[in-house]
C-alpha atoms as a PDB file:
ATOM      1  CA  MET A   1      21.580   3.669   2.876  1.00  0.00           C
ATOM      2  CA  GLY A   2      19.136   5.550   0.858  1.00  0.00           C
ATOM      3  CA  HIS A   3      19.224   4.830  -2.763  1.00  0.00           C
ATOM      4  CA  GLN A   4      21.556   7.775  -4.319  1.00  0.00           C
ATOM      5  CA  ASP A   5      23.921   6.206  -1.798  1.00  0.00           C
ATOM      6  CA  VAL A   6      23.619   2.877  -3.528  1.00  0.00           C
ATOM      7  CA  LEU A   7      24.006   4.931  -6.693  1.00  0.00           C
ATOM      8  CA  ASN A   8      26.862   6.433  -5.759  1.00  0.00           C
ATOM      9  CA  ARG A   9      28.749   3.598  -4.674  1.00  0.00           C
ATOM     10  CA  LEU A  10      27.525   1.402  -7.163  1.00  0.00           C
ATOM     11  CA  THR A  11      29.298   3.865  -9.405  1.00  0.00           C
ATOM     12  CA  GLU A  12      32.221   3.535  -7.671  1.00  0.00           C
ATOM     13  CA  VAL A  13      32.523  -0.371  -7.618  1.00  0.00           C
ATOM     14  CA  PHE A  14      32.098   0.015 -11.402  1.00  0.00           C
ATOM     15  CA  GLN A  15      34.796   2.972 -11.900  1.00  0.00           C
ATOM     16  CA  GLU A  16      36.931   1.037  -9.729  1.00  0.00           C
ATOM     17  CA  LEU A  17      36.383  -2.128 -11.848  1.00  0.00           C
ATOM     18  CA  SER A  18      37.011  -0.796 -15.320  1.00  0.00           C
ATOM     19  CA  ASP A  19      39.332   1.995 -14.231  1.00  0.00           C
ATOM     20  CA  GLU A  20      36.588   4.021 -16.171  1.00  0.00           C
ATOM     21  CA  ASP A  21      36.287   6.904 -13.486  1.00  0.00           C
ATOM     22  CA  ASP A  22      34.323   9.141 -16.350  1.00  0.00           C
ATOM     23  CA  VAL A  23      31.651   6.761 -15.713  1.00  0.00           C
ATOM     24  CA  VAL A  24      28.559   7.586 -13.519  1.00  0.00           C
ATOM     25  CA  LEU A  25      25.955   4.975 -13.121  1.00  0.00           C
ATOM     26  CA  VAL A  26      22.153   6.137 -13.108  1.00  0.00           C
ATOM     27  CA  ASP A  27      18.946   4.521 -13.295  1.00  0.00           C
ATOM     28  CA  VAL A  28      18.374   4.206 -16.893  1.00  0.00           C
ATOM     29  CA  THR A  29      21.648   2.899 -17.190  1.00  0.00           C
ATOM     30  CA  THR A  30      21.931  -0.173 -19.406  1.00  0.00           C
ATOM     31  CA  ALA A  31      25.063  -2.219 -20.226  1.00  0.00           C
ATOM     32  CA  ASP A  32      24.320  -0.947 -23.735  1.00  0.00           C
ATOM     33  CA  ASP A  33      25.061   2.373 -22.806  1.00  0.00           C
ATOM     34  CA  VAL A  34      28.759   1.220 -21.640  1.00  0.00           C
ATOM     35  CA  PRO A  35      31.198   0.810 -23.785  1.00  0.00           C
ATOM     36  CA  GLY A  36      32.826  -2.747 -22.358  1.00  0.00           C
ATOM     37  CA  TRP A  37      30.319  -3.693 -20.683  1.00  0.00           C
ATOM     38  CA  ASP A  38      30.250  -7.283 -21.999  1.00  0.00           C
ATOM     39  CA  SER A  39      29.259 -10.649 -20.224  1.00  0.00           C
ATOM     40  CA  VAL A  40      32.447 -11.176 -19.044  1.00  0.00           C
ATOM     41  CA  PHE A  41      32.863  -7.794 -17.313  1.00  0.00           C
ATOM     42  CA  HIS A  42      28.950  -8.247 -15.861  1.00  0.00           C
ATOM     43  CA  VAL A  43      30.055 -10.925 -14.020  1.00  0.00           C
ATOM     44  CA  LYS A  44      33.021  -9.894 -12.597  1.00  0.00           C
ATOM     45  CA  PHE A  45      30.625  -6.124 -11.717  1.00  0.00           C
ATOM     46  CA  ILE A  46      28.485  -9.011  -9.809  1.00  0.00           C
ATOM     47  CA  ILE A  47      30.789  -9.953  -7.468  1.00  0.00           C
ATOM     48  CA  ALA A  48      32.371  -6.942  -6.795  1.00  0.00           C
ATOM     49  CA  ILE A  49      28.674  -5.721  -6.098  1.00  0.00           C
ATOM     50  CA  GLU A  50      28.386  -8.644  -3.819  1.00  0.00           C
ATOM     51  CA  GLN A  51      31.586  -7.922  -1.973  1.00  0.00           C
ATOM     52  CA  ALA A  52      30.944  -4.092  -1.995  1.00  0.00           C
ATOM     53  CA  PHE A  53      27.291  -4.435  -0.464  1.00  0.00           C
ATOM     54  CA  LYS A  54      28.227  -7.923   1.735  1.00  0.00           C
ATOM     55  CA  VAL A  55      24.510  -9.008  -0.165  1.00  0.00           C
ATOM     56  CA  ARG A  56      24.267 -12.032  -3.249  1.00  0.00           C
ATOM     57  CA  PHE A  57      22.097 -12.420  -5.750  1.00  0.00           C
ATOM     58  CA  ALA A  58      20.683 -15.603  -7.290  1.00  0.00           C
ATOM     59  CA  ALA A  59      21.281 -15.899 -11.270  1.00  0.00           C
ATOM     60  CA  SER A  60      17.330 -15.187 -11.548  1.00  0.00           C
ATOM     61  CA  GLU A  61      17.891 -12.211  -9.413  1.00  0.00           C
ATOM     62  CA  ILE A  62      20.839 -10.942 -11.476  1.00  0.00           C
ATOM     63  CA  ASN A  63      19.223 -11.750 -15.193  1.00  0.00           C
ATOM     64  CA  ALA A  64      15.798  -9.675 -13.594  1.00  0.00           C
ATOM     65  CA  ALA A  65      17.285  -6.686 -13.690  1.00  0.00           C
ATOM     66  CA  ASN A  66      17.191  -4.574 -16.483  1.00  0.00           C
ATOM     67  CA  ASN A  67      18.745  -1.234 -15.722  1.00  0.00           C
ATOM     68  CA  VAL A  68      21.292  -0.235 -12.924  1.00  0.00           C
ATOM     69  CA  GLY A  69      18.488   1.601 -11.130  1.00  0.00           C
ATOM     70  CA  GLU A  70      16.453  -2.110 -10.932  1.00  0.00           C
ATOM     71  CA  LEU A  71      20.178  -2.937  -9.503  1.00  0.00           C
ATOM     72  CA  ALA A  72      19.676  -0.691  -6.745  1.00  0.00           C
ATOM     73  CA  ALA A  73      16.449  -1.129  -5.930  1.00  0.00           C
ATOM     74  CA  MET A  74      17.592  -5.029  -4.924  1.00  0.00           C
ATOM     75  CA  ILE A  75      20.721  -4.189  -3.213  1.00  0.00           C
ATOM     76  CA  GLU A  76      18.139  -1.789  -1.199  1.00  0.00           C
ATOM     77  CA  GLY A  77      15.735  -4.678  -0.579  1.00  0.00           C
ATOM     78  CA  LYS A  78      18.511  -6.860   0.441  1.00  0.00           C
ATOM     79  CA  LEU A  79      20.191  -4.331   2.733  1.00  0.00           C
ATOM     80  CA  THR A  80      17.057  -3.599   4.243  1.00  0.00           C
ATOM     81  CA  HIS A  81      16.294  -7.461   5.539  1.00  0.00           C
ATOM     82  CA  ALA A  82      19.135  -8.027   6.081  1.00  0.00           C
END
């Protein structure tokens, strides 16, 4: 799965969870860029990502991602080493 594929799937997961069909996630997107992306939504989003990609994140990994691009790269790394 390529980087753009991961971003597209992240956008789908985000849209399903938030009911915000007009939000498209890109590498530089942060929680501050999206209205309603608070700490509670973030936890729900991470759980949905884990289910969608069949991966698991350690708390330290979740806190290490500064934007969607870094999150996508972590997912790609987990998929490559699965």
